[in-house]
All heavy atoms as atom14 arrays in JSON, in Angstrom:
{
  "sequence": "VALISRRSRHRAGMRYKRRGVDKNGNVANYVETEQLIHVHNHTLSFI",
  "atom14_mask": [
    [1, 1, 1, 1, 1, 1, 1, 0, 0, 0, 0, 0, 0, 0],
    [1, 1, 1, 1, 1, 0, 0, 0, 0, 0, 0, 0, 0, 0],
    [1, 1, 1, 1, 1, 1, 1, 1, 0, 0, 0, 0, 0, 0],
    [1, 1, 1, 1, 1, 1, 1, 1, 0, 0, 0, 0, 0, 0],
    [1, 1, 1, 1, 1, 1, 0, 0, 0, 0, 0, 0, 0, 0],
    [1, 1, 1, 1, 1, 1, 1, 1, 1, 1, 1, 0, 0, 0],
    [1, 1, 1, 1, 1, 1, 1, 1, 1, 1, 1, 0, 0, 0],
    [1, 1, 1, 1, 1, 1, 0, 0, 0, 0, 0, 0, 0, 0],
    [1, 1, 1, 1, 1, 1, 1, 1, 1, 1, 1, 0, 0, 0],
    [1, 1, 1, 1, 1, 1, 1, 1, 1, 1, 0, 0, 0, 0],
    [1, 1, 1, 1, 1, 1, 1, 1, 1, 1, 1, 0, 0, 0],
    [1, 1, 1, 1, 1, 0, 0, 0, 0, 0, 0, 0, 0, 0],
    [1, 1, 1, 1, 0, 0, 0, 0, 0, 0, 0, 0, 0, 0],
    [1, 1, 1, 1, 1, 1, 1, 1, 0, 0, 0, 0, 0, 0],
    [1, 1, 1, 1, 1, 1, 1, 1, 1, 1, 1, 0, 0, 0],
    [1, 1, 1, 1, 1, 1, 1, 1, 1, 1, 1, 1, 0, 0],
    [1, 1, 1, 1, 1, 1, 1, 1, 1, 0, 0, 0, 0, 0],
    [1, 1, 1, 1, 1, 1, 1, 1, 1, 1, 1, 0, 0, 0],
    [1, 1, 1, 1, 1, 1, 1, 1, 1, 1, 1, 0, 0, 0],
    [1, 1, 1, 1, 0, 0, 0, 0, 0, 0, 0, 0, 0, 0],
    [1, 1, 1, 1, 1, 1, 1, 0, 0, 0, 0, 0, 0, 0],
    [1, 1, 1, 1, 1, 1, 1, 1, 0, 0, 0, 0, 0, 0],
    [1, 1, 1, 1, 1, 1, 1, 1, 1, 0, 0, 0, 0, 0],
    [1, 1, 1, 1, 1, 1, 1, 1, 0, 0, 0, 0, 0, 0],
    [1, 1, 1, 1, 0, 0, 0, 0, 0, 0, 0, 0, 0, 0],
    [1, 1, 1, 1, 1, 1, 1, 1, 0, 0, 0, 0, 0, 0],
    [1, 1, 1, 1, 1, 1, 1, 0, 0, 0, 0, 0, 0, 0],
    [1, 1, 1, 1, 1, 0, 0, 0, 0, 0, 0, 0, 0, 0],
    [1, 1, 1, 1, 1, 1, 1, 1, 0, 0, 0, 0, 0, 0],
    [1, 1, 1, 1, 1, 1, 1, 1, 1, 1, 1, 1, 0, 0],
    [1, 1, 1, 1, 1, 1, 1, 0, 0, 0, 0, 0, 0, 0],
    [1, 1, 1, 1, 1, 1, 1, 1, 1, 0, 0, 0, 0, 0],
    [1, 1, 1, 1, 1, 1, 1, 0, 0, 0, 0, 0, 0, 0],
    [1, 1, 1, 1, 1, 1, 1, 1, 1, 0, 0, 0, 0, 0],
    [1, 1, 1, 1, 1, 1, 1, 1, 1, 0, 0, 0, 0, 0],
    [1, 1, 1, 1, 1, 1, 1, 1, 0, 0, 0, 0, 0, 0],
    [1, 1, 1, 1, 1, 1, 1, 1, 0, 0, 0, 0, 0, 0],
    [1, 1, 1, 1, 1, 1, 1, 1, 1, 1, 0, 0, 0, 0],
    [1, 1, 1, 1, 1, 1, 1, 0, 0, 0, 0, 0, 0, 0],
    [1, 1, 1, 1, 1, 1, 1, 1, 1, 1, 0, 0, 0, 0],
    [1, 1, 1, 1, 1, 1, 1, 1, 0, 0, 0, 0, 0, 0],
    [1, 1, 1, 1, 1, 1, 1, 1, 1, 1, 0, 0, 0, 0],
    [1, 1, 1, 1, 1, 1, 1, 0, 0, 0, 0, 0, 0, 0],
    [1, 1, 1, 1, 1, 1, 1, 1, 0, 0, 0, 0, 0, 0],
    [1, 1, 1, 1, 1, 1, 0, 0, 0, 0, 0, 0, 0, 0],
    [1, 1, 1, 1, 1, 1, 1, 1, 1, 1, 1, 0, 0, 0],
    [1, 1, 1, 1, 1, 1, 1, 1, 0, 0, 0, 0, 0, 0]
  ],
  "atom14_positions": [
    [[-4.01, -20.01, -17.95], [-3.74, -18.74, -17.31], [-5.05, -17.97, -17.22], [-5.77, -17.84, -18.21], [-2.71, -17.91, -18.11], [-2.5, -16.55, -17.47], [-1.39, -18.65, -18.2], [0.0, 0.0, 0.0], [0.0, 0.0, 0.0], [0.0, 0.0, 0.0], [0.0, 0.0, 0.0], [0.0, 0.0, 0.0], [0.0, 0.0, 0.0], [0.0, 0.0, 0.0]],
    [[-5.34, -17.47, -16.02], [-6.56, -16.68, -15.82], [-6.2, -15.36, -15.16], [-5.32, -15.3, -14.3], [-7.56, -17.44, -14.96], [0.0, 0.0, 0.0], [0.0, 0.0, 0.0], [0.0, 0.0, 0.0], [0.0, 0.0, 0.0], [0.0, 0.0, 0.0], [0.0, 0.0, 0.0], [0.0, 0.0, 0.0], [0.0, 0.0, 0.0], [0.0, 0.0, 0.0]],
    [[-6.88, -14.32, -15.58], [-6.72, -13.0, -14.99], [-8.11, -12.52, -14.6], [-9.01, -12.45, -15.44], [-6.09, -12.04, -16.0], [-5.73, -10.65, -15.49], [-4.62, -10.73, -14.46], [-5.3, -9.77, -16.64], [0.0, 0.0, 0.0], [0.0, 0.0, 0.0], [0.0, 0.0, 0.0], [0.0, 0.0, 0.0], [0.0, 0.0, 0.0], [0.0, 0.0, 0.0]],
    [[-8.28, -12.21, -13.32], [-9.59, -11.78, -12.81], [-9.39, -10.5, -12.02], [-8.63, -10.47, -11.05], [-10.21, -12.85, -11.88], [-10.29, -14.2, -12.58], [-11.57, -12.39, -11.38], [-10.57, -15.36, -11.65], [0.0, 0.0, 0.0], [0.0, 0.0, 0.0], [0.0, 0.0, 0.0], [0.0, 0.0, 0.0], [0.0, 0.0, 0.0], [0.0, 0.0, 0.0]],
    [[-10.04, -9.43, -12.45], [-10.0, -8.16, -11.72], [-11.39, -7.84, -11.23], [-12.36, -7.91, -11.98], [-9.51, -7.02, -12.62], [-8.13, -7.13, -12.84], [0.0, 0.0, 0.0], [0.0, 0.0, 0.0], [0.0, 0.0, 0.0], [0.0, 0.0, 0.0], [0.0, 0.0, 0.0], [0.0, 0.0, 0.0], [0.0, 0.0, 0.0], [0.0, 0.0, 0.0]],
    [[-11.47, -7.49, -9.95], [-12.75, -7.16, -9.32], [-12.64, -5.77, -8.7], [-11.78, -5.54, -7.85], [-13.09, -8.19, -8.24], [-13.21, -9.6, -8.78], [-13.33, -10.61, -7.65], [-12.05, -10.91, -7.02], [-11.24, -11.9, -7.37], [-11.57, -12.67, -8.38], [-10.13, -12.11, -6.72], [0.0, 0.0, 0.0], [0.0, 0.0, 0.0], [0.0, 0.0, 0.0]],
    [[-13.52, -4.88, -9.1], [-13.54, -3.53, -8.54], [-14.54, -3.5, -7.4], [-15.65, -4.0, -7.51], [-13.95, -2.51, -9.61], [-13.87, -1.09, -9.12], [-14.15, -0.12, -10.24], [-13.97, 1.25, -9.77], [-14.49, 2.28, -10.35], [-15.21, 2.14, -11.45], [-14.29, 3.49, -9.88], [0.0, 0.0, 0.0], [0.0, 0.0, 0.0], [0.0, 0.0, 0.0]],
    [[-14.14, -2.88, -6.31], [-15.01, -2.81, -5.14], [-16.19, -1.89, -5.4], [-16.08, -0.87, -6.08], [-14.22, -2.3, -3.93], [-15.07, -2.1, -2.83], [0.0, 0.0, 0.0], [0.0, 0.0, 0.0], [0.0, 0.0, 0.0], [0.0, 0.0, 0.0], [0.0, 0.0, 0.0], [0.0, 0.0, 0.0], [0.0, 0.0, 0.0], [0.0, 0.0, 0.0]],
    [[-17.32, -2.24, -4.8], [-18.5, -1.38, -4.91], [-18.44, -0.24, -3.89], [-19.18, 0.72, -3.97], [-19.77, -2.2, -4.71], [-19.89, -2.82, -3.34], [-21.13, -3.7, -3.22], [-21.13, -4.46, -2.01], [-21.58, -4.01, -0.84], [-22.07, -2.79, -0.76], [-21.55, -4.77, 0.23], [0.0, 0.0, 0.0], [0.0, 0.0, 0.0], [0.0, 0.0, 0.0]],
    [[-17.54, -0.36, -2.92], [-17.39, 0.68, -1.89], [-16.49, 1.79, -2.42], [-15.39, 1.54, -2.87], [-16.77, 0.1, -0.62], [-17.57, -1.0, -0.02], [-18.77, -0.78, 0.63], [-17.36, -2.33, 0.02], [-19.25, -1.93, 1.06], [-18.42, -2.89, 0.68], [0.0, 0.0, 0.0], [0.0, 0.0, 0.0], [0.0, 0.0, 0.0], [0.0, 0.0, 0.0]],
    [[-16.95, 2.98, -2.39], [-16.17, 4.18, -2.72], [-15.7, 4.22, -4.18], [-14.64, 4.75, -4.5], [-14.99, 4.29, -1.77], [-14.61, 5.7, -1.48], [-13.95, 5.91, -0.15], [-13.24, 7.16, -0.17], [-13.81, 8.36, -0.26], [-15.11, 8.47, -0.3], [-13.1, 9.46, -0.29], [0.0, 0.0, 0.0], [0.0, 0.0, 0.0], [0.0, 0.0, 0.0]],
    [[-16.49, 3.67, -5.07], [-16.17, 3.76, -6.5], [-16.49, 5.17, -6.98], [-17.38, 5.83, -6.45], [-16.99, 2.74, -7.29], [0.0, 0.0, 0.0], [0.0, 0.0, 0.0], [0.0, 0.0, 0.0], [0.0, 0.0, 0.0], [0.0, 0.0, 0.0], [0.0, 0.0, 0.0], [0.0, 0.0, 0.0], [0.0, 0.0, 0.0], [0.0, 0.0, 0.0]],
    [[-15.77, 5.64, -7.95], [-16.04, 6.97, -8.48], [-15.06, 7.37, -9.56], [-14.13, 6.65, -9.89], [0.0, 0.0, 0.0], [0.0, 0.0, 0.0], [0.0, 0.0, 0.0], [0.0, 0.0, 0.0], [0.0, 0.0, 0.0], [0.0, 0.0, 0.0], [0.0, 0.0, 0.0], [0.0, 0.0, 0.0], [0.0, 0.0, 0.0], [0.0, 0.0, 0.0]],
    [[-15.28, 8.57, -10.08], [-14.42, 9.09, -11.15], [-13.09, 9.59, -10.58], [-13.03, 10.08, -9.45], [-15.1, 10.27, -11.85], [-16.29, 9.87, -12.67], [-17.16, 11.26, -13.47], [-16.07, 12.63, -13.36], [0.0, 0.0, 0.0], [0.0, 0.0, 0.0], [0.0, 0.0, 0.0], [0.0, 0.0, 0.0], [0.0, 0.0, 0.0], [0.0, 0.0, 0.0]],
    [[-12.06, 9.46, -11.39], [-10.75, 9.97, -11.0], [-10.85, 11.47, -10.74], [-11.58, 12.18, -11.42], [-9.75, 9.69, -12.13], [-8.35, 9.99, -11.74], [-7.4, 9.47, -12.77], [-6.06, 9.66, -12.26], [-4.99, 9.74, -12.99], [-5.09, 9.64, -14.28], [-3.82, 9.92, -12.45], [0.0, 0.0, 0.0], [0.0, 0.0, 0.0], [0.0, 0.0, 0.0]],
    [[-10.12, 11.95, -9.77], [-10.09, 13.34, -9.29], [-11.36, 13.72, -8.51], [-11.39, 14.74, -7.86], [-9.87, 14.37, -10.41], [-8.57, 14.18, -11.14], [-8.54, 14.0, -12.5], [-7.36, 14.18, -10.45], [-7.34, 13.83, -13.18], [-6.16, 14.0, -11.11], [-6.16, 13.83, -12.47], [-4.97, 13.65, -13.14], [0.0, 0.0, 0.0], [0.0, 0.0, 0.0]],
    [[-12.4, 12.92, -8.59], [-13.62, 13.22, -7.83], [-13.72, 12.34, -6.59], [-14.35, 12.72, -5.61], [-14.87, 13.04, -8.7], [-14.94, 13.97, -9.89], [-14.93, 15.43, -9.49], [-16.25, 15.85, -8.89], [-16.27, 17.24, -8.46], [0.0, 0.0, 0.0], [0.0, 0.0, 0.0], [0.0, 0.0, 0.0], [0.0, 0.0, 0.0], [0.0, 0.0, 0.0]],
    [[-13.15, 11.14, -6.63], [-13.23, 10.22, -5.49], [-11.8, 9.82, -5.13], [-11.12, 9.16, -5.9], [-14.05, 8.99, -5.88], [-14.22, 7.99, -4.8], [-15.21, 8.37, -3.75], [-16.52, 8.41, -4.38], [-17.61, 8.85, -3.77], [-17.56, 9.25, -2.54], [-18.75, 8.88, -4.4], [0.0, 0.0, 0.0], [0.0, 0.0, 0.0], [0.0, 0.0, 0.0]],
    [[-11.36, 10.24, -3.96], [-9.99, 10.0, -3.51], [-9.98, 9.56, -2.06], [-10.93, 9.79, -1.31], [-9.14, 11.28, -3.64], [-8.94, 11.77, -5.05], [-8.1, 10.81, -5.81], [-7.42, 11.48, -6.91], [-6.88, 10.84, -7.91], [-6.93, 9.55, -7.96], [-6.26, 11.47, -8.86], [0.0, 0.0, 0.0], [0.0, 0.0, 0.0], [0.0, 0.0, 0.0]],
    [[-8.87, 8.96, -1.62], [-8.63, 8.69, -0.21], [-9.48, 7.59, 0.4], [-9.97, 6.69, -0.27], [0.0, 0.0, 0.0], [0.0, 0.0, 0.0], [0.0, 0.0, 0.0], [0.0, 0.0, 0.0], [0.0, 0.0, 0.0], [0.0, 0.0, 0.0], [0.0, 0.0, 0.0], [0.0, 0.0, 0.0], [0.0, 0.0, 0.0], [0.0, 0.0, 0.0]],
    [[-9.66, 7.7, 1.71], [-10.34, 6.69, 2.52], [-11.63, 7.26, 3.09], [-11.75, 8.48, 3.22], [-9.38, 6.21, 3.65], [-9.14, 7.29, 4.69], [-9.83, 4.93, 4.3], [0.0, 0.0, 0.0], [0.0, 0.0, 0.0], [0.0, 0.0, 0.0], [0.0, 0.0, 0.0], [0.0, 0.0, 0.0], [0.0, 0.0, 0.0], [0.0, 0.0, 0.0]],
    [[-12.58, 6.4, 3.43], [-13.78, 6.87, 4.12], [-13.75, 6.43, 5.58], [-12.78, 5.78, 6.03], [-15.06, 6.38, 3.41], [-15.29, 4.88, 3.48], [-14.59, 4.19, 4.25], [-16.17, 4.4, 2.75], [0.0, 0.0, 0.0], [0.0, 0.0, 0.0], [0.0, 0.0, 0.0], [0.0, 0.0, 0.0], [0.0, 0.0, 0.0], [0.0, 0.0, 0.0]],
    [[-14.77, 6.75, 6.34], [-14.79, 6.48, 7.79], [-14.78, 5.0, 8.12], [-14.47, 4.6, 9.24], [-15.99, 7.16, 8.44], [-17.31, 6.62, 7.96], [-18.47, 7.33, 8.6], [-19.74, 6.71, 8.02], [-20.91, 7.12, 8.68], [0.0, 0.0, 0.0], [0.0, 0.0, 0.0], [0.0, 0.0, 0.0], [0.0, 0.0, 0.0], [0.0, 0.0, 0.0]],
    [[-15.11, 4.12, 7.14], [-15.11, 2.68, 7.35], [-13.82, 2.0, 6.9], [-13.71, 0.77, 6.97], [-16.29, 2.03, 6.63], [-17.62, 2.56, 7.14], [-17.82, 2.7, 8.34], [-18.51, 2.89, 6.22], [0.0, 0.0, 0.0], [0.0, 0.0, 0.0], [0.0, 0.0, 0.0], [0.0, 0.0, 0.0], [0.0, 0.0, 0.0], [0.0, 0.0, 0.0]],
    [[-12.88, 2.76, 6.38], [-11.61, 2.19, 5.91], [-11.62, 1.77, 4.46], [-10.66, 1.15, 3.99], [0.0, 0.0, 0.0], [0.0, 0.0, 0.0], [0.0, 0.0, 0.0], [0.0, 0.0, 0.0], [0.0, 0.0, 0.0], [0.0, 0.0, 0.0], [0.0, 0.0, 0.0], [0.0, 0.0, 0.0], [0.0, 0.0, 0.0], [0.0, 0.0, 0.0]],
    [[-12.68, 2.08, 3.72], [-12.72, 1.77, 2.28], [-11.98, 2.84, 1.51], [-12.19, 4.03, 1.74], [-14.17, 1.71, 1.79], [-14.97, 0.65, 2.49], [-14.58, -0.5, 2.53], [-16.1, 1.04, 3.07], [0.0, 0.0, 0.0], [0.0, 0.0, 0.0], [0.0, 0.0, 0.0], [0.0, 0.0, 0.0], [0.0, 0.0, 0.0], [0.0, 0.0, 0.0]],
    [[-11.13, 2.42, 0.58], [-10.4, 3.39, -0.23], [-11.05, 3.55, -1.59], [-11.71, 2.64, -2.09], [-8.9, 3.02, -0.4], [-8.18, 3.06, 0.93], [-8.72, 1.7, -1.09], [0.0, 0.0, 0.0], [0.0, 0.0, 0.0], [0.0, 0.0, 0.0], [0.0, 0.0, 0.0], [0.0, 0.0, 0.0], [0.0, 0.0, 0.0], [0.0, 0.0, 0.0]],
    [[-10.87, 4.7, -2.18], [-11.46, 5.0, -3.48], [-10.87, 4.1, -4.56], [-9.68, 3.81, -4.57], [-11.23, 6.46, -3.82], [0.0, 0.0, 0.0], [0.0, 0.0, 0.0], [0.0, 0.0, 0.0], [0.0, 0.0, 0.0], [0.0, 0.0, 0.0], [0.0, 0.0, 0.0], [0.0, 0.0, 0.0], [0.0, 0.0, 0.0], [0.0, 0.0, 0.0]],
    [[-11.75, 3.66, -5.45], [-11.37, 2.92, -6.66], [-10.46, 1.72, -6.38], [-9.46, 1.51, -7.06], [-10.76, 3.88, -7.68], [-11.76, 4.93, -8.08], [-12.88, 4.61, -8.46], [-11.4, 6.19, -7.96], [0.0, 0.0, 0.0], [0.0, 0.0, 0.0], [0.0, 0.0, 0.0], [0.0, 0.0, 0.0], [0.0, 0.0, 0.0], [0.0, 0.0, 0.0]],
    [[-10.85, 0.93, -5.42], [-10.11, -0.25, -5.0], [-10.36, -1.4, -5.99], [-11.5, -1.67, -6.35], [-10.58, -0.67, -3.6], [-9.91, -1.89, -3.05], [-8.69, -1.8, -2.4], [-10.51, -3.14, -3.18], [-8.08, -2.93, -1.88], [-9.91, -4.27, -2.66], [-8.69, -4.16, -2.0], [-8.09, -5.27, -1.49], [0.0, 0.0, 0.0], [0.0, 0.0, 0.0]],
    [[-9.28, -2.05, -6.43], [-9.37, -3.17, -7.36], [-8.48, -4.3, -6.87], [-7.33, -4.08, -6.49], [-8.93, -2.77, -8.79], [-8.97, -3.95, -9.74], [-9.78, -1.63, -9.32], [0.0, 0.0, 0.0], [0.0, 0.0, 0.0], [0.0, 0.0, 0.0], [0.0, 0.0, 0.0], [0.0, 0.0, 0.0], [0.0, 0.0, 0.0], [0.0, 0.0, 0.0]],
    [[-9.02, -5.52, -6.89], [-8.25, -6.72, -6.58], [-8.07, -7.48, -7.89], [-9.05, -7.76, -8.58], [-9.0, -7.59, -5.58], [-8.3, -8.91, -5.3], [-9.2, -9.91, -4.6], [-10.11, -10.44, -5.27], [-8.98, -10.14, -3.41], [0.0, 0.0, 0.0], [0.0, 0.0, 0.0], [0.0, 0.0, 0.0], [0.0, 0.0, 0.0], [0.0, 0.0, 0.0]],
    [[-6.83, -7.79, -8.24], [-6.54, -8.55, -9.45], [-5.83, -9.84, -9.06], [-4.82, -9.81, -8.37], [-5.65, -7.74, -10.42], [-6.35, -6.54, -10.77], [-5.33, -8.53, -11.67], [0.0, 0.0, 0.0], [0.0, 0.0, 0.0], [0.0, 0.0, 0.0], [0.0, 0.0, 0.0], [0.0, 0.0, 0.0], [0.0, 0.0, 0.0], [0.0, 0.0, 0.0]],
    [[-6.39, -10.95, -9.52], [-5.8, -12.26, -9.24], [-5.33, -12.87, -10.55], [-6.04, -12.9, -11.54], [-6.82, -13.18, -8.57], [-6.23, -14.51, -8.16], [-7.14, -15.31, -7.26], [-8.32, -14.93, -7.07], [-6.68, -16.34, -6.74], [0.0, 0.0, 0.0], [0.0, 0.0, 0.0], [0.0, 0.0, 0.0], [0.0, 0.0, 0.0], [0.0, 0.0, 0.0]],
    [[-4.09, -13.35, -10.53], [-3.51, -14.05, -11.67], [-3.38, -15.52, -11.27], [-2.77, -15.83, -10.25], [-2.13, -13.49, -11.99], [-2.16, -12.01, -12.31], [-0.76, -11.41, -12.28], [0.15, -11.93, -12.91], [-0.61, -10.32, -11.56], [0.0, 0.0, 0.0], [0.0, 0.0, 0.0], [0.0, 0.0, 0.0], [0.0, 0.0, 0.0], [0.0, 0.0, 0.0]],
    [[-3.97, -16.39, -12.06], [-3.95, -17.82, -11.77], [-3.24, -18.57, -12.88], [-3.45, -18.28, -14.06], [-5.37, -18.37, -11.65], [-6.2, -17.82, -10.5], [-7.67, -17.98, -10.8], [-5.83, -18.53, -9.23], [0.0, 0.0, 0.0], [0.0, 0.0, 0.0], [0.0, 0.0, 0.0], [0.0, 0.0, 0.0], [0.0, 0.0, 0.0], [0.0, 0.0, 0.0]],
    [[-2.41, -19.53, -12.51], [-1.79, -20.43, -13.47], [-2.08, -21.84, -13.0], [-1.8, -22.19, -11.85], [-0.27, -20.21, -13.58], [0.02, -18.8, -14.08], [0.37, -21.26, -14.49], [1.48, -18.45, -14.14], [0.0, 0.0, 0.0], [0.0, 0.0, 0.0], [0.0, 0.0, 0.0], [0.0, 0.0, 0.0], [0.0, 0.0, 0.0], [0.0, 0.0, 0.0]],
    [[-2.67, -22.66, -13.89], [-2.97, -24.05, -13.57], [-2.15, -24.94, -14.49], [-2.29, -24.87, -15.71], [-4.47, -24.33, -13.74], [-4.84, -25.72, -13.37], [-5.0, -26.12, -12.08], [-5.05, -26.81, -14.14], [-5.31, -27.41, -12.05], [-5.35, -27.85, -13.3], [0.0, 0.0, 0.0], [0.0, 0.0, 0.0], [0.0, 0.0, 0.0], [0.0, 0.0, 0.0]],
    [[-1.27, -25.76, -13.9], [-0.42, -26.65, -14.67], [-0.15, -27.91, -13.84], [0.04, -27.82, -12.63], [0.9, -25.95, -15.09], [1.72, -25.52, -13.91], [1.71, -26.82, -16.03], [0.0, 0.0, 0.0], [0.0, 0.0, 0.0], [0.0, 0.0, 0.0], [0.0, 0.0, 0.0], [0.0, 0.0, 0.0], [0.0, 0.0, 0.0], [0.0, 0.0, 0.0]],
    [[-0.19, -29.07, -14.48], [0.07, -30.36, -13.82], [-0.78, -30.54, -12.56], [-0.28, -30.94, -11.51], [1.55, -30.49, -13.44], [2.47, -30.44, -14.6], [2.53, -31.43, -15.56], [3.38, -29.51, -14.97], [3.43, -31.12, -16.45], [3.96, -29.96, -16.13], [0.0, 0.0, 0.0], [0.0, 0.0, 0.0], [0.0, 0.0, 0.0], [0.0, 0.0, 0.0]],
    [[-2.03, -30.22, -12.63], [-2.95, -30.34, -11.49], [-2.57, -29.48, -10.3], [-2.96, -29.76, -9.17], [-3.1, -31.8, -11.06], [-3.75, -32.63, -12.14], [-4.66, -32.17, -12.82], [-3.25, -33.84, -12.33], [0.0, 0.0, 0.0], [0.0, 0.0, 0.0], [0.0, 0.0, 0.0], [0.0, 0.0, 0.0], [0.0, 0.0, 0.0], [0.0, 0.0, 0.0]],
    [[-1.78, -28.46, -10.53], [-1.42, -27.49, -9.49], [-1.93, -26.13, -9.94], [-1.82, -25.76, -11.11], [0.09, -27.41, -9.29], [0.69, -28.68, -8.81], [0.58, -29.12, -7.51], [1.4, -29.63, -9.46], [1.21, -30.27, -7.38], [1.72, -30.6, -8.55], [0.0, 0.0, 0.0], [0.0, 0.0, 0.0], [0.0, 0.0, 0.0], [0.0, 0.0, 0.0]],
    [[-2.44, -25.37, -8.99], [-2.88, -24.02, -9.29], [-2.07, -23.04, -8.45], [-1.97, -23.18, -7.23], [-4.38, -23.84, -9.0], [-5.11, -24.79, -9.78], [-4.84, -22.44, -9.34], [0.0, 0.0, 0.0], [0.0, 0.0, 0.0], [0.0, 0.0, 0.0], [0.0, 0.0, 0.0], [0.0, 0.0, 0.0], [0.0, 0.0, 0.0], [0.0, 0.0, 0.0]],
    [[-1.48, -22.07, -9.11], [-0.71, -21.01, -8.46], [-1.51, -19.71, -8.57], [-2.11, -19.43, -9.6], [0.64, -20.84, -9.14], [1.48, -22.11, -9.3], [2.64, -21.87, -10.23], [1.95, -22.59, -7.95], [0.0, 0.0, 0.0], [0.0, 0.0, 0.0], [0.0, 0.0, 0.0], [0.0, 0.0, 0.0], [0.0, 0.0, 0.0], [0.0, 0.0, 0.0]],
    [[-1.48, -18.93, -7.51], [-2.24, -17.68, -7.5], [-1.38, -16.54, -6.99], [-0.59, -16.71, -6.05], [-3.46, -17.86, -6.58], [-4.1, -16.62, -6.37], [0.0, 0.0, 0.0], [0.0, 0.0, 0.0], [0.0, 0.0, 0.0], [0.0, 0.0, 0.0], [0.0, 0.0, 0.0], [0.0, 0.0, 0.0], [0.0, 0.0, 0.0], [0.0, 0.0, 0.0]],
    [[-1.52, -15.4, -7.61], [-0.87, -14.17, -7.16], [-1.93, -13.08, -7.15], [-2.6, -12.86, -8.15], [0.28, -13.78, -8.1], [0.94, -12.48, -7.72], [1.8, -12.41, -6.65], [0.67, -11.32, -8.44], [2.4, -11.21, -6.29], [1.25, -10.12, -8.09], [2.13, -10.06, -7.02], [0.0, 0.0, 0.0], [0.0, 0.0, 0.0], [0.0, 0.0, 0.0]],
    [[-2.09, -12.43, -6.01], [-3.11, -11.38, -5.88], [-2.43, -10.04, -5.66], [-1.51, -9.9, -4.86], [-4.07, -11.68, -4.72], [-4.85, -12.97, -5.02], [-5.03, -10.51, -4.51], [-5.77, -13.4, -3.92], [0.0, 0.0, 0.0], [0.0, 0.0, 0.0], [0.0, 0.0, 0.0], [0.0, 0.0, 0.0], [0.0, 0.0, 0.0], [0.0, 0.0, 0.0]]
  ]
}
């Protein structure tokens, strides 16, 4: 089982100081978390 969280470098900031979207469509404090399970030579992923 693997858990990987990646925080975007675009629009990162402190809570209450960085909110919403910018002109390029980047949202504040964006995080992608992927959960991986590898069993019997199969890998399952949920993002």
